[in-house]
Amino acid sequence: MSSQGIPVIVSVDDQHLGSISEVAERLVQAGLRVDEVLAAVGVITGRVDESGVDALRAVGGVRGVDPQREVGPVSPSDPQ
């Protein structure tokens, strides 16, 4: 893990989509370094120390917190 934390994707529950900015502010207070707020899809991306993931899950309005995975081109030699 880097000193910048692990990348995460935070899903906002349906009841809080209209106040996603406030949810993002509470996530910052809980330790998230926000990269993007994608209001149209109810997602907030950012980085958090690995030990802070549970604190993010406890924030009101959060449906889930998942590690962000990198997606790239598949090499022909990669197993399917």
Foldseek 3Di string as FASTA:
>chain_A
DDPQAFKKKWAFDPVCLVVQVVLVVVLVVLAWDWDDQDSVRRITITGGHPVSQVSNVPGPRTPDMDGDDDDDDDDPPDDD
